[in-house]
């Protein structure tokens, strides 16, 4: 009896540690990425370093038997390349959004994705139209976002251009990658490995297209690269890369340890933590009314999650709750978008 209690206690603390680890990584990641891009103003190089850390990290952990990922094959890489390109564009626009806007703006536009994904699913993937509750939740999300934008005193054309570009690419990524990964049959870590490795291979092309390589070489030439590798910038980039890999681990492990519903609730709490941390440590954040609109957007996200996972009080939904959780866990493993290196998500 004592041994059973001890085993249960160990399991409890192990699960709690995973959930706390995921919550910390997820809630801090957007703030850390903002810190990194503020002190290291080279978005292409920053994301490439994040891809490198995650790809090498997954490969090394796989070699030590701590995780399993699909082996790299040229045939699979060719099939996955379009998805990796969409992924790269989503992260590229994400980083540039954080470069030109505050974290609150990022969260608002990130929270808008269920609205566009629902439209895209219905229009392109022939999914059923959203239920009434889902539609109401999407309207709440939209109302919060419109209220935030209307009162954003940090509004600039550049920032919102990147915000809309991010919204389009992240929506495309969510719909297209879900379809692609399901068809290819990759496991979660295979998805993370292919995404980051192929994105790393594409990075030099984007350095040339955007002209960022000129700035990087100029910074390396000036004062023997002191501008590029100053201690604060080095620390910020290292922290961003490490947290990008950690969220892959904790996100995957937490999904396995708790139900899909509990994982969703954790994700929502993470958003509130991100807002609180951002308000405490940055002087550039939304107005009080803007923060209320932001919280309204997040609340719409909570309502949306409730509507798509089955409401309470419906006997048939309650009877099917275990099957729903199981199904959601399987889908979460395939999607694991966010395991993705250094990206925000926590959603």
C-alpha atoms as a PDB file:
ATOM      1  CA  UNK A   1       0.000   0.000   0.000  1.00  0.00           C
ATOM      2  CA  UNK A   2       2.819   2.380   0.953  1.00  0.00           C
ATOM      3  CA  UNK A   3       4.675   1.585  -2.264  1.00  0.00           C
ATOM      4  CA  UNK A   4       1.518   2.310  -4.305  1.00  0.00           C
ATOM      5  CA  UNK A   5       1.140   5.675  -2.562  1.00  0.00           C
ATOM      6  CA  UNK A   6       4.803   6.455  -3.149  1.00  0.00           C
ATOM      7  CA  UNK A   7       4.458   5.558  -6.835  1.00  0.00           C
ATOM      8  CA  UNK A   8       1.330   7.711  -7.145  1.00  0.00           C
ATOM      9  CA  UNK A   9       3.128  10.565  -5.403  1.00  0.00           C
ATOM     10  CA  UNK A  10       6.094  10.289  -7.781  1.00  0.00           C
ATOM     11  CA  UNK A  11       3.742  10.258 -10.757  1.00  0.00           C
ATOM     12  CA  UNK A  12       1.940  13.335  -9.425  1.00  0.00           C
ATOM     13  CA  UNK A  13       5.154  15.321  -8.946  1.00  0.00           C
ATOM     14  CA  UNK A  14       6.493  14.207 -12.347  1.00  0.00           C
ATOM     15  CA  UNK A  15       3.306  15.319 -14.096  1.00  0.00           C
ATOM     16  CA  UNK A  16       3.218  18.588 -12.137  1.00  0.00           C
ATOM     17  CA  UNK A  17       6.837  19.290 -13.095  1.00  0.00           C
ATOM     18  CA  UNK A  18       6.060  18.757 -16.780  1.00  0.00           C
ATOM     19  CA  UNK A  19       2.997  21.030 -16.678  1.00  0.00           C
ATOM     20  CA  UNK A  20       4.861  23.755 -14.759  1.00  0.00           C
ATOM     21  CA  UNK A  21       7.812  23.467 -17.159  1.00  0.00           C
ATOM     22  CA  UNK A  22       5.503  23.819 -20.165  1.00  0.00           C
ATOM     23  CA  UNK A  23       3.627  26.736 -18.577  1.00  0.00           C
ATOM     24  CA  UNK A  24       6.849  28.628 -17.838  1.00  0.00           C
ATOM     25  CA  UNK A  25       8.326  28.023 -21.294  1.00  0.00           C
ATOM     26  CA  UNK A  26       5.105  28.873 -23.095  1.00  0.00           C
ATOM     27  CA  UNK A  27       4.304  32.019 -21.111  1.00  0.00           C
ATOM     28  CA  UNK A  28       7.872  33.345 -21.273  1.00  0.00           C
ATOM     29  CA  UNK A  29       8.661  32.487 -24.891  1.00  0.00           C
ATOM     30  CA  UNK A  30       7.022  35.483 -26.630  1.00  0.00           C
ATOM     31  CA  UNK A  31       8.585  37.853 -24.076  1.00  0.00           C
ATOM     32  CA  UNK A  32      12.015  36.203 -24.490  1.00  0.00           C
ATOM     33  CA  UNK A  33      11.755  36.404 -28.280  1.00  0.00           C
ATOM     34  CA  UNK A  34      10.869  40.100 -27.989  1.00  0.00           C
ATOM     35  CA  UNK A  35      13.909  40.547 -25.724  1.00  0.00           C
ATOM     36  CA  UNK A  36      16.083  38.683 -28.245  1.00  0.00           C
ATOM     37  CA  UNK A  37      14.979  40.617 -31.350  1.00  0.00           C
ATOM     38  CA  UNK A  38      15.299  43.926 -29.455  1.00  0.00           C
ATOM     39  CA  UNK A  39      18.944  43.235 -28.604  1.00  0.00           C
ATOM     40  CA  UNK A  40      19.844  41.249 -31.730  1.00  0.00           C
ATOM     41  CA  UNK A  41      18.230  43.068 -34.644  1.00  0.00           C
ATOM     42  CA  UNK A  42      18.785  40.350 -37.266  1.00  0.00           C
ATOM     43  CA  UNK A  43      15.507  38.376 -37.550  1.00  0.00           C
ATOM     44  CA  UNK A  44      16.758  36.006 -40.268  1.00  0.00           C
ATOM     45  CA  UNK A  45      19.908  35.059 -38.369  1.00  0.00           C
ATOM     46  CA  UNK A  46      18.009  34.787 -35.084  1.00  0.00           C
ATOM     47  CA  UNK A  47      15.470  32.321 -36.497  1.00  0.00           C
ATOM     48  CA  UNK A  48      18.270  30.345 -38.207  1.00  0.00           C
ATOM     49  CA  UNK A  49      20.027  29.939 -34.851  1.00  0.00           C
ATOM     50  CA  UNK A  50      16.743  28.773 -33.341  1.00  0.00           C
ATOM     51  CA  UNK A  51      16.266  26.231 -36.149  1.00  0.00           C
ATOM     52  CA  UNK A  52      19.828  25.006 -35.669  1.00  0.00           C
ATOM     53  CA  UNK A  53      19.379  24.570 -31.909  1.00  0.00           C
ATOM     54  CA  UNK A  54      16.109  22.646 -32.277  1.00  0.00           C
ATOM     55  CA  UNK A  55      17.267  20.426 -35.177  1.00  0.00           C
ATOM     56  CA  UNK A  56      20.569  19.540 -33.472  1.00  0.00           C
ATOM     57  CA  UNK A  57      18.822  19.154 -30.106  1.00  0.00           C
ATOM     58  CA  UNK A  58      16.269  16.666 -31.482  1.00  0.00           C
ATOM     59  CA  UNK A  59      19.003  14.753 -33.345  1.00  0.00           C
ATOM     60  CA  UNK A  60      21.262  14.513 -30.253  1.00  0.00           C
ATOM     61  CA  UNK A  61      18.399  13.500 -27.930  1.00  0.00           C
ATOM     62  CA  UNK A  62      17.399  10.889 -30.512  1.00  0.00           C
ATOM     63  CA  UNK A  63      20.946   9.496 -30.552  1.00  0.00           C
ATOM     64  CA  UNK A  64      20.828   9.126 -26.770  1.00  0.00           C
ATOM     65  CA  UNK A  65      17.466   7.343 -26.993  1.00  0.00           C
ATOM     66  CA  UNK A  66      15.605  10.050 -25.084  1.00  0.00           C
ATOM     67  CA  UNK A  67      13.116  10.518 -27.918  1.00  0.00           C
ATOM     68  CA  UNK A  68      12.249   8.991 -31.273  1.00  0.00           C
ATOM     69  CA  UNK A  69      12.014  10.945 -34.509  1.00  0.00           C
ATOM     70  CA  UNK A  70      11.482   9.835 -38.094  1.00  0.00           C
ATOM     71  CA  UNK A  71      14.794   9.388 -39.943  1.00  0.00           C
ATOM     72  CA  UNK A  72      15.695  11.995 -42.541  1.00  0.00           C
ATOM     73  CA  UNK A  73      15.144  10.836 -46.119  1.00  0.00           C
ATOM     74  CA  UNK A  74      15.390  12.910 -49.286  1.00  0.00           C
ATOM     75  CA  UNK A  75      12.055  11.537 -50.523  1.00  0.00           C
ATOM     76  CA  UNK A  76      10.194  12.644 -47.398  1.00  0.00           C
ATOM     77  CA  UNK A  77      12.046  15.973 -47.406  1.00  0.00           C
ATOM     78  CA  UNK A  78      10.848  16.687 -50.972  1.00  0.00           C
ATOM     79  CA  UNK A  79       7.242  16.003 -49.971  1.00  0.00           C
ATOM     80  CA  UNK A  80       7.561  18.074 -46.798  1.00  0.00           C
ATOM     81  CA  UNK A  81       9.367  21.033 -48.415  1.00  0.00           C
ATOM     82  CA  UNK A  82       6.211  23.095 -49.244  1.00  0.00           C
ATOM     83  CA  UNK A  83       5.022  22.727 -45.622  1.00  0.00           C
ATOM     84  CA  UNK A  84       8.473  23.744 -44.349  1.00  0.00           C
ATOM     85  CA  UNK A  85       8.393  26.826 -46.588  1.00  0.00           C
ATOM     86  CA  UNK A  86       5.027  27.893 -45.150  1.00  0.00           C
ATOM     87  CA  UNK A  87       6.407  27.209 -41.658  1.00  0.00           C
ATOM     88  CA  UNK A  88       9.489  29.326 -42.367  1.00  0.00           C
ATOM     89  CA  UNK A  89       7.362  32.229 -43.596  1.00  0.00           C
ATOM     90  CA  UNK A  90       5.140  31.977 -40.490  1.00  0.00           C
ATOM     91  CA  UNK A  91       8.141  32.177 -38.173  1.00  0.00           C
ATOM     92  CA  UNK A  92       9.820  34.870 -40.263  1.00  0.00           C
ATOM     93  CA  UNK A  93       6.738  37.109 -40.114  1.00  0.00           C
ATOM     94  CA  UNK A  94       6.311  36.245 -36.408  1.00  0.00           C
ATOM     95  CA  UNK A  95       9.834  37.462 -35.617  1.00  0.00           C
ATOM     96  CA  UNK A  96       9.415  40.646 -37.651  1.00  0.00           C
ATOM     97  CA  UNK A  97       6.078  41.321 -35.948  1.00  0.00           C
ATOM     98  CA  UNK A  98       7.783  41.105 -32.549  1.00  0.00           C
ATOM     99  CA  UNK A  99      10.533  43.330 -33.934  1.00  0.00           C
ATOM    100  CA  UNK A 100       8.133  46.156 -34.812  1.00  0.00           C
ATOM    101  CA  UNK A 101       5.248  45.686 -32.337  1.00  0.00           C
ATOM    102  CA  UNK A 102       4.730  44.864 -28.670  1.00  0.00           C
ATOM    103  CA  UNK A 103       3.908  41.430 -27.276  1.00  0.00           C
ATOM    104  CA  UNK A 104       0.244  42.376 -26.715  1.00  0.00           C
ATOM    105  CA  UNK A 105      -0.240  42.993 -30.451  1.00  0.00           C
ATOM    106  CA  UNK A 106       1.353  39.627 -31.190  1.00  0.00           C
ATOM    107  CA  UNK A 107      -1.022  37.816 -28.787  1.00  0.00           C
ATOM    108  CA  UNK A 108      -4.100  39.535 -30.263  1.00  0.00           C
ATOM    109  CA  UNK A 109      -3.234  38.544 -33.824  1.00  0.00           C
ATOM    110  CA  UNK A 110      -2.217  35.052 -32.697  1.00  0.00           C
ATOM    111  CA  UNK A 111      -5.590  34.696 -30.975  1.00  0.00           C
ATOM    112  CA  UNK A 112      -7.360  35.634 -34.220  1.00  0.00           C
ATOM    113  CA  UNK A 113      -6.138  32.472 -35.944  1.00  0.00           C
ATOM    114  CA  UNK A 114      -9.113  30.237 -34.913  1.00  0.00           C
ATOM    115  CA  UNK A 115     -11.426  32.607 -36.820  1.00  0.00           C
ATOM    116  CA  UNK A 116      -9.447  32.343 -40.061  1.00  0.00           C
ATOM    117  CA  UNK A 117      -8.733  28.625 -39.600  1.00  0.00           C
ATOM    118  CA  UNK A 118     -12.478  27.966 -39.192  1.00  0.00           C
ATOM    119  CA  UNK A 119     -13.172  29.878 -42.428  1.00  0.00           C
ATOM    120  CA  UNK A 120     -10.321  28.118 -44.270  1.00  0.00           C
ATOM    121  CA  UNK A 121     -11.403  24.693 -43.005  1.00  0.00           C
ATOM    122  CA  UNK A 122     -14.957  25.282 -44.237  1.00  0.00           C
ATOM    123  CA  UNK A 123     -13.923  26.810 -47.565  1.00  0.00           C
ATOM    124  CA  UNK A 124     -10.947  24.663 -48.578  1.00  0.00           C
ATOM    125  CA  UNK A 125     -11.090  21.455 -46.532  1.00  0.00           C
ATOM    126  CA  UNK A 126     -14.874  21.049 -46.841  1.00  0.00           C
ATOM    127  CA  UNK A 127     -15.318  20.839 -43.063  1.00  0.00           C
ATOM    128  CA  UNK A 128     -18.789  21.467 -41.552  1.00  0.00           C
ATOM    129  CA  UNK A 129     -19.734  25.060 -40.742  1.00  0.00           C
ATOM    130  CA  UNK A 130     -18.978  26.102 -37.131  1.00  0.00           C
ATOM    131  CA  UNK A 131     -21.680  25.483 -34.521  1.00  0.00           C
ATOM    132  CA  UNK A 132     -23.563  28.413 -32.978  1.00  0.00           C
ATOM    133  CA  UNK A 133     -21.355  28.407 -29.863  1.00  0.00           C
ATOM    134  CA  UNK A 134     -18.222  28.275 -31.997  1.00  0.00           C
ATOM    135  CA  UNK A 135     -19.522  31.151 -34.135  1.00  0.00           C
ATOM    136  CA  UNK A 136     -20.263  33.228 -31.003  1.00  0.00           C
ATOM    137  CA  UNK A 137     -16.756  32.550 -29.664  1.00  0.00           C
ATOM    138  CA  UNK A 138     -15.217  33.636 -32.982  1.00  0.00           C
ATOM    139  CA  UNK A 139     -17.267  36.855 -32.916  1.00  0.00           C
ATOM    140  CA  UNK A 140     -16.008  37.540 -29.360  1.00  0.00           C
ATOM    141  CA  UNK A 141     -12.424  37.004 -30.534  1.00  0.00           C
ATOM    142  CA  UNK A 142     -12.972  39.364 -33.465  1.00  0.00           C
ATOM    143  CA  UNK A 143     -14.627  42.021 -31.258  1.00  0.00           C
ATOM    144  CA  UNK A 144     -11.715  41.946 -28.820  1.00  0.00           C
ATOM    145  CA  UNK A 145      -9.192  42.221 -31.648  1.00  0.00           C
ATOM    146  CA  UNK A 146     -11.032  45.136 -33.313  1.00  0.00           C
ATOM    147  CA  UNK A 147     -11.271  46.950 -29.972  1.00  0.00           C
ATOM    148  CA  UNK A 148      -7.558  46.444 -29.367  1.00  0.00           C
ATOM    149  CA  UNK A 149      -6.530  47.695 -32.814  1.00  0.00           C
ATOM    150  CA  UNK A 150      -8.816  50.731 -32.562  1.00  0.00           C
ATOM    151  CA  UNK A 151      -7.185  51.847 -29.293  1.00  0.00           C
ATOM    152  CA  UNK A 152      -3.584  50.818 -30.019  1.00  0.00           C
ATOM    153  CA  UNK A 153      -1.495  53.962 -29.518  1.00  0.00           C
ATOM    154  CA  UNK A 154       1.544  52.108 -30.857  1.00  0.00           C
ATOM    155  CA  UNK A 155      -0.093  51.616 -34.259  1.00  0.00           C
ATOM    156  CA  UNK A 156       2.330  51.819 -37.197  1.00  0.00           C
ATOM    157  CA  UNK A 157       1.825  50.728 -40.780  1.00  0.00           C
ATOM    158  CA  UNK A 158       4.998  48.612 -40.681  1.00  0.00           C
ATOM    159  CA  UNK A 159       3.998  46.743 -37.510  1.00  0.00           C
ATOM    160  CA  UNK A 160       0.466  45.997 -38.730  1.00  0.00           C
ATOM    161  CA  UNK A 161       1.698  44.992 -42.178  1.00  0.00           C
ATOM    162  CA  UNK A 162       3.832  42.321 -40.487  1.00  0.00           C
ATOM    163  CA  UNK A 163       0.877  41.462 -38.225  1.00  0.00           C
ATOM    164  CA  UNK A 164      -1.416  40.766 -41.189  1.00  0.00           C
ATOM    165  CA  UNK A 165       1.345  38.891 -43.017  1.00  0.00           C
ATOM    166  CA  UNK A 166       1.829  36.769 -39.875  1.00  0.00           C
ATOM    167  CA  UNK A 167      -1.918  36.149 -39.559  1.00  0.00           C
ATOM    168  CA  UNK A 168      -2.159  34.914 -43.151  1.00  0.00           C
ATOM    169  CA  UNK A 169       0.946  32.699 -42.988  1.00  0.00           C
ATOM    170  CA  UNK A 170       0.190  31.156 -39.562  1.00  0.00           C
ATOM    171  CA  UNK A 171      -3.368  30.350 -40.692  1.00  0.00           C
ATOM    172  CA  UNK A 172      -2.048  28.754 -43.888  1.00  0.00           C
ATOM    173  CA  UNK A 173       0.519  26.861 -41.840  1.00  0.00           C
ATOM    174  CA  UNK A 174      -2.081  25.491 -39.425  1.00  0.00           C
ATOM    175  CA  UNK A 175      -4.425  24.265 -42.161  1.00  0.00           C
ATOM    176  CA  UNK A 176      -1.813  23.076 -44.667  1.00  0.00           C
ATOM    177  CA  UNK A 177       0.689  21.482 -42.272  1.00  0.00           C
ATOM    178  CA  UNK A 178      -2.052  19.555 -40.493  1.00  0.00           C
ATOM    179  CA  UNK A 179      -3.057  18.095 -43.862  1.00  0.00           C
ATOM    180  CA  UNK A 180       0.563  17.457 -44.899  1.00  0.00           C
ATOM    181  CA  UNK A 181       1.767  15.858 -41.662  1.00  0.00           C
ATOM    182  CA  UNK A 182      -1.306  13.629 -41.427  1.00  0.00           C
ATOM    183  CA  UNK A 183      -0.705  12.377 -44.966  1.00  0.00           C
ATOM    184  CA  UNK A 184       3.032  11.814 -44.455  1.00  0.00           C
ATOM    185  CA  UNK A 185       2.476  10.016 -41.145  1.00  0.00           C
ATOM    186  CA  UNK A 186       5.343  11.781 -39.342  1.00  0.00           C
ATOM    187  CA  UNK A 187       5.468  11.544 -35.564  1.00  0.00           C
ATOM    188  CA  UNK A 188       5.729  14.681 -33.419  1.00  0.00           C
ATOM    189  CA  UNK A 189       9.503  14.793 -33.160  1.00  0.00           C
ATOM    190  CA  UNK A 190       9.797  13.919 -36.852  1.00  0.00           C
ATOM    191  CA  UNK A 191       7.653  16.969 -37.578  1.00  0.00           C
ATOM    192  CA  UNK A 192       9.850  19.177 -35.370  1.00  0.00           C
ATOM    193  CA  UNK A 193      13.054  17.723 -36.913  1.00  0.00           C
ATOM    194  CA  UNK A 194      11.994  18.103 -40.559  1.00  0.00           C
ATOM    195  CA  UNK A 195      10.497  21.551 -40.011  1.00  0.00           C
ATOM    196  CA  UNK A 196      13.610  22.970 -38.373  1.00  0.00           C
ATOM    197  CA  UNK A 197      16.191  21.228 -40.554  1.00  0.00           C
ATOM    198  CA  UNK A 198      14.543  22.229 -43.836  1.00  0.00           C
ATOM    199  CA  UNK A 199      13.937  25.769 -42.540  1.00  0.00           C
ATOM    200  CA  UNK A 200      17.613  25.999 -41.616  1.00  0.00           C
ATOM    201  CA  UNK A 201      18.533  25.016 -45.191  1.00  0.00           C
ATOM    202  CA  UNK A 202      16.249  27.768 -46.567  1.00  0.00           C
ATOM    203  CA  UNK A 203      17.572  30.494 -44.254  1.00  0.00           C
ATOM    204  CA  UNK A 204      20.560  31.623 -46.435  1.00  0.00           C
ATOM    205  CA  UNK A 205      18.206  32.231 -49.377  1.00  0.00           C
ATOM    206  CA  UNK A 206      16.101  34.597 -47.268  1.00  0.00           C
ATOM    207  CA  UNK A 207      19.226  36.375 -45.988  1.00  0.00           C
ATOM    208  CA  UNK A 208      20.062  37.209 -49.612  1.00  0.00           C
ATOM    209  CA  UNK A 209      16.476  38.147 -50.606  1.00  0.00           C
ATOM    210  CA  UNK A 210      16.017  40.498 -47.630  1.00  0.00           C
ATOM    211  CA  UNK A 211      19.584  41.835 -47.802  1.00  0.00           C
ATOM    212  CA  UNK A 212      20.144  41.006 -44.146  1.00  0.00           C
ATOM    213  CA  UNK A 213      23.493  39.367 -44.931  1.00  0.00           C
ATOM    214  CA  UNK A 214      24.892  42.864 -45.692  1.00  0.00           C
ATOM    215  CA  UNK A 215      23.985  44.100 -42.188  1.00  0.00           C
ATOM    216  CA  UNK A 216      25.366  40.937 -40.571  1.00  0.00           C
ATOM    217  CA  UNK A 217      28.705  41.170 -42.416  1.00  0.00           C
ATOM    218  CA  UNK A 218      28.945  44.880 -41.633  1.00  0.00           C
ATOM    219  CA  UNK A 219      28.343  44.175 -37.927  1.00  0.00           C
ATOM    220  CA  UNK A 220      30.969  41.409 -37.978  1.00  0.00           C
ATOM    221  CA  UNK A 221      33.488  43.737 -39.640  1.00  0.00           C
ATOM    222  CA  UNK A 222      32.933  46.601 -37.222  1.00  0.00           C
ATOM    223  CA  UNK A 223      34.969  46.364 -34.013  1.00  0.00           C
ATOM    224  CA  UNK A 224      35.795  42.705 -34.753  1.00  0.00           C
ATOM    225  CA  UNK A 225      32.166  41.686 -34.482  1.00  0.00           C
ATOM    226  CA  UNK A 226      31.688  43.272 -31.065  1.00  0.00           C
ATOM    227  CA  UNK A 227      28.355  44.789 -32.132  1.00  0.00           C
ATOM    228  CA  UNK A 228      27.069  41.365 -33.167  1.00  0.00           C
ATOM    229  CA  UNK A 229      28.294  39.379 -30.173  1.00  0.00           C
ATOM    230  CA  UNK A 230      27.883  41.744 -27.246  1.00  0.00           C
ATOM    231  CA  UNK A 231      27.058  39.917 -23.972  1.00  0.00           C
ATOM    232  CA  UNK A 232      23.403  41.013 -23.688  1.00  0.00           C
ATOM    233  CA  UNK A 233      22.655  40.033 -27.300  1.00  0.00           C
ATOM    234  CA  UNK A 234      24.454  36.709 -26.877  1.00  0.00           C
ATOM    235  CA  UNK A 235      22.503  35.967 -23.700  1.00  0.00           C
ATOM    236  CA  UNK A 236      19.164  36.949 -25.281  1.00  0.00           C
ATOM    237  CA  UNK A 237      19.724  34.786 -28.382  1.00  0.00           C
ATOM    238  CA  UNK A 238      20.947  31.810 -26.318  1.00  0.00           C
ATOM    239  CA  UNK A 239      17.914  32.071 -24.029  1.00  0.00           C
ATOM    240  CA  UNK A 240      15.572  32.230 -27.028  1.00  0.00           C
ATOM    241  CA  UNK A 241      17.152  29.149 -28.636  1.00  0.00           C
ATOM    242  CA  UNK A 242      17.148  27.116 -25.418  1.00  0.00           C
ATOM    243  CA  UNK A 243      13.517  27.974 -24.632  1.00  0.00           C
ATOM    244  CA  UNK A 244      12.565  27.076 -28.189  1.00  0.00           C
ATOM    245  CA  UNK A 245      13.930  23.570 -27.677  1.00  0.00           C
ATOM    246  CA  UNK A 246      12.542  23.286 -24.131  1.00  0.00           C
ATOM    247  CA  UNK A 247       8.994  24.095 -25.235  1.00  0.00           C
ATOM    248  CA  UNK A 248       9.263  21.283 -27.781  1.00  0.00           C
ATOM    249  CA  UNK A 249      10.160  18.862 -25.003  1.00  0.00           C
ATOM    250  CA  UNK A 250       7.764  20.102 -22.321  1.00  0.00           C
ATOM    251  CA  UNK A 251       4.908  20.617 -24.792  1.00  0.00           C
ATOM    252  CA  UNK A 252       5.204  17.069 -26.112  1.00  0.00           C
ATOM    253  CA  UNK A 253       5.685  15.497 -22.671  1.00  0.00           C
ATOM    254  CA  UNK A 254       2.835  17.480 -21.078  1.00  0.00           C
ATOM    255  CA  UNK A 255       0.459  16.455 -23.878  1.00  0.00           C
ATOM    256  CA  UNK A 256       1.270  12.846 -23.100  1.00  0.00           C
ATOM    257  CA  UNK A 257       0.931  13.264 -19.341  1.00  0.00           C
ATOM    258  CA  UNK A 258      -2.410  15.100 -19.140  1.00  0.00           C
ATOM    259  CA  UNK A 259      -5.688  15.136 -21.057  1.00  0.00           C
ATOM    260  CA  UNK A 260      -6.247  17.341 -24.089  1.00  0.00           C
ATOM    261  CA  UNK A 261      -8.714  19.463 -22.097  1.00  0.00           C
ATOM    262  CA  UNK A 262      -6.202  20.034 -19.287  1.00  0.00           C
ATOM    263  CA  UNK A 263      -3.546  20.884 -21.855  1.00  0.00           C
ATOM    264  CA  UNK A 264      -5.881  23.434 -23.470  1.00  0.00           C
ATOM    265  CA  UNK A 265      -6.621  25.041 -20.081  1.00  0.00           C
ATOM    266  CA  UNK A 266      -2.871  25.242 -19.425  1.00  0.00           C
ATOM    267  CA  UNK A 267      -2.421  26.970 -22.780  1.00  0.00           C
ATOM    268  CA  UNK A 268      -5.061  29.567 -21.888  1.00  0.00           C
ATOM    269  CA  UNK A 269      -3.475  30.228 -18.473  1.00  0.00           C
ATOM    270  CA  UNK A 270      -0.146  30.656 -20.274  1.00  0.00           C
ATOM    271  CA  UNK A 271      -1.577  33.517 -22.324  1.00  0.00           C
ATOM    272  CA  UNK A 272      -2.698  35.337 -19.183  1.00  0.00           C
ATOM    273  CA  UNK A 273       0.759  34.784 -17.667  1.00  0.00           C
ATOM    274  CA  UNK A 274       2.377  36.192 -20.814  1.00  0.00           C
ATOM    275  CA  UNK A 275       0.207  39.318 -20.579  1.00  0.00           C
ATOM    276  CA  UNK A 276       1.011  39.741 -16.861  1.00  0.00           C
ATOM    277  CA  UNK A 277       4.771  39.251 -17.372  1.00  0.00           C
ATOM    278  CA  UNK A 278       4.759  41.625 -20.334  1.00  0.00           C
ATOM    279  CA  UNK A 279       2.999  44.356 -18.329  1.00  0.00           C
ATOM    280  CA  UNK A 280       5.440  43.944 -15.441  1.00  0.00           C
ATOM    281  CA  UNK A 281       8.747  43.991 -17.325  1.00  0.00           C
ATOM    282  CA  UNK A 282       8.127  46.135 -20.470  1.00  0.00           C
ATOM    283  CA  UNK A 283       7.191  49.786 -20.578  1.00  0.00           C
ATOM    284  CA  UNK A 284       5.794  49.380 -24.108  1.00  0.00           C
ATOM    285  CA  UNK A 285       2.459  47.632 -23.807  1.00  0.00           C
ATOM    286  CA  UNK A 286      -1.214  48.282 -24.459  1.00  0.00           C
ATOM    287  CA  UNK A 287      -3.417  50.865 -22.737  1.00  0.00           C
ATOM    288  CA  UNK A 288      -5.730  49.629 -19.941  1.00  0.00           C
ATOM    289  CA  UNK A 289      -8.650  49.498 -22.413  1.00  0.00           C
ATOM    290  CA  UNK A 290      -6.404  47.705 -24.913  1.00  0.00           C
ATOM    291  CA  UNK A 291      -5.522  45.128 -22.246  1.00  0.00           C
ATOM    292  CA  UNK A 292      -9.245  44.608 -21.564  1.00  0.00           C
ATOM    293  CA  UNK A 293      -9.784  43.970 -25.281  1.00  0.00           C
ATOM    294  CA  UNK A 294      -6.839  41.579 -25.242  1.00  0.00           C
ATOM    295  CA  UNK A 295      -8.366  39.657 -22.321  1.00  0.00           C
ATOM    296  CA  UNK A 296     -11.703  39.596 -24.201  1.00  0.00           C
ATOM    297  CA  UNK A 297      -9.906  38.029 -27.170  1.00  0.00           C
ATOM    298  CA  UNK A 298      -8.359  35.388 -24.911  1.00  0.00           C
ATOM    299  CA  UNK A 299     -11.775  34.737 -23.307  1.00  0.00           C
ATOM    300  CA  UNK A 300     -13.164  34.177 -26.798  1.00  0.00           C
ATOM    301  CA  UNK A 301     -10.392  31.621 -27.274  1.00  0.00           C
ATOM    302  CA  UNK A 302     -11.501  29.821 -24.098  1.00  0.00           C
ATOM    303  CA  UNK A 303     -15.099  29.763 -25.341  1.00  0.00           C
ATOM    304  CA  UNK A 304     -13.899  28.483 -28.718  1.00  0.00           C
ATOM    305  CA  UNK A 305     -12.003  25.607 -27.096  1.00  0.00           C
ATOM    306  CA  UNK A 306     -15.110  24.700 -25.094  1.00  0.00           C
ATOM    307  CA  UNK A 307     -17.230  24.705 -28.247  1.00  0.00           C
ATOM    308  CA  UNK A 308     -14.930  22.406 -30.230  1.00  0.00           C
ATOM    309  CA  UNK A 309     -14.209  19.930 -27.425  1.00  0.00           C
ATOM    310  CA  UNK A 310     -17.829  19.447 -26.362  1.00  0.00           C
ATOM    311  CA  UNK A 311     -19.819  21.393 -23.811  1.00  0.00           C
ATOM    312  CA  UNK A 312     -20.656  20.442 -20.297  1.00  0.00           C
ATOM    313  CA  UNK A 313     -24.100  19.258 -19.372  1.00  0.00           C
ATOM    314  CA  UNK A 314     -24.677  17.316 -22.582  1.00  0.00           C
ATOM    315  CA  UNK A 315     -24.937  13.633 -21.574  1.00  0.00           C
ATOM    316  CA  UNK A 316     -23.750  12.342 -24.919  1.00  0.00           C
ATOM    317  CA  UNK A 317     -20.755  14.677 -24.792  1.00  0.00           C
ATOM    318  CA  UNK A 318     -19.964  13.576 -21.246  1.00  0.00           C
ATOM    319  CA  UNK A 319     -20.192   9.927 -22.240  1.00  0.00           C
ATOM    320  CA  UNK A 320     -17.809  10.576 -25.096  1.00  0.00           C
ATOM    321  CA  UNK A 321     -15.370  12.780 -23.150  1.00  0.00           C
ATOM    322  CA  UNK A 322     -12.680  10.134 -22.937  1.00  0.00           C
ATOM    323  CA  UNK A 323     -12.863   9.384 -26.645  1.00  0.00           C
ATOM    324  CA  UNK A 324     -12.730  13.120 -27.411  1.00  0.00           C
ATOM    325  CA  UNK A 325      -9.687  13.606 -25.188  1.00  0.00           C
ATOM    326  CA  UNK A 326      -7.988  10.635 -26.810  1.00  0.00           C
ATOM    327  CA  UNK A 327      -8.751  11.909 -30.283  1.00  0.00           C
ATOM    328  CA  UNK A 328      -7.555  15.402 -29.392  1.00  0.00           C
ATOM    329  CA  UNK A 329      -4.334  13.990 -27.972  1.00  0.00           C
ATOM    330  CA  UNK A 330      -3.675  12.161 -31.248  1.00  0.00           C
ATOM    331  CA  UNK A 331      -4.380  15.299 -33.257  1.00  0.00           C
ATOM    332  CA  UNK A 332      -2.201  17.358 -30.947  1.00  0.00           C
ATOM    333  CA  UNK A 333       0.675  14.962 -31.479  1.00  0.00           C
ATOM    334  CA  UNK A 334       0.360  15.363 -35.241  1.00  0.00           C
ATOM    335  CA  UNK A 335       0.016  19.126 -35.132  1.00  0.00           C
ATOM    336  CA  UNK A 336       2.553  20.025 -32.339  1.00  0.00           C
ATOM    337  CA  UNK A 337       3.082  23.230 -34.101  1.00  0.00           C
ATOM    338  CA  UNK A 338       4.333  24.797 -31.469  1.00  0.00           C
ATOM    339  CA  UNK A 339       6.992  22.432 -30.558  1.00  0.00           C
ATOM    340  CA  UNK A 340       8.579  24.337 -33.098  1.00  0.00           C
ATOM    341  CA  UNK A 341      11.710  26.119 -32.202  1.00  0.00           C
ATOM    342  CA  UNK A 342      11.624  29.458 -30.550  1.00  0.00           C
ATOM    343  CA  UNK A 343       8.149  30.353 -31.560  1.00  0.00           C
ATOM    344  CA  UNK A 344       5.560  31.387 -29.604  1.00  0.00           C
ATOM    345  CA  UNK A 345       3.084  29.868 -29.411  1.00  0.00           C
ATOM    346  CA  UNK A 346       2.010  28.605 -26.097  1.00  0.00           C
ATOM    347  CA  UNK A 347      -1.348  28.342 -27.727  1.00  0.00           C
END
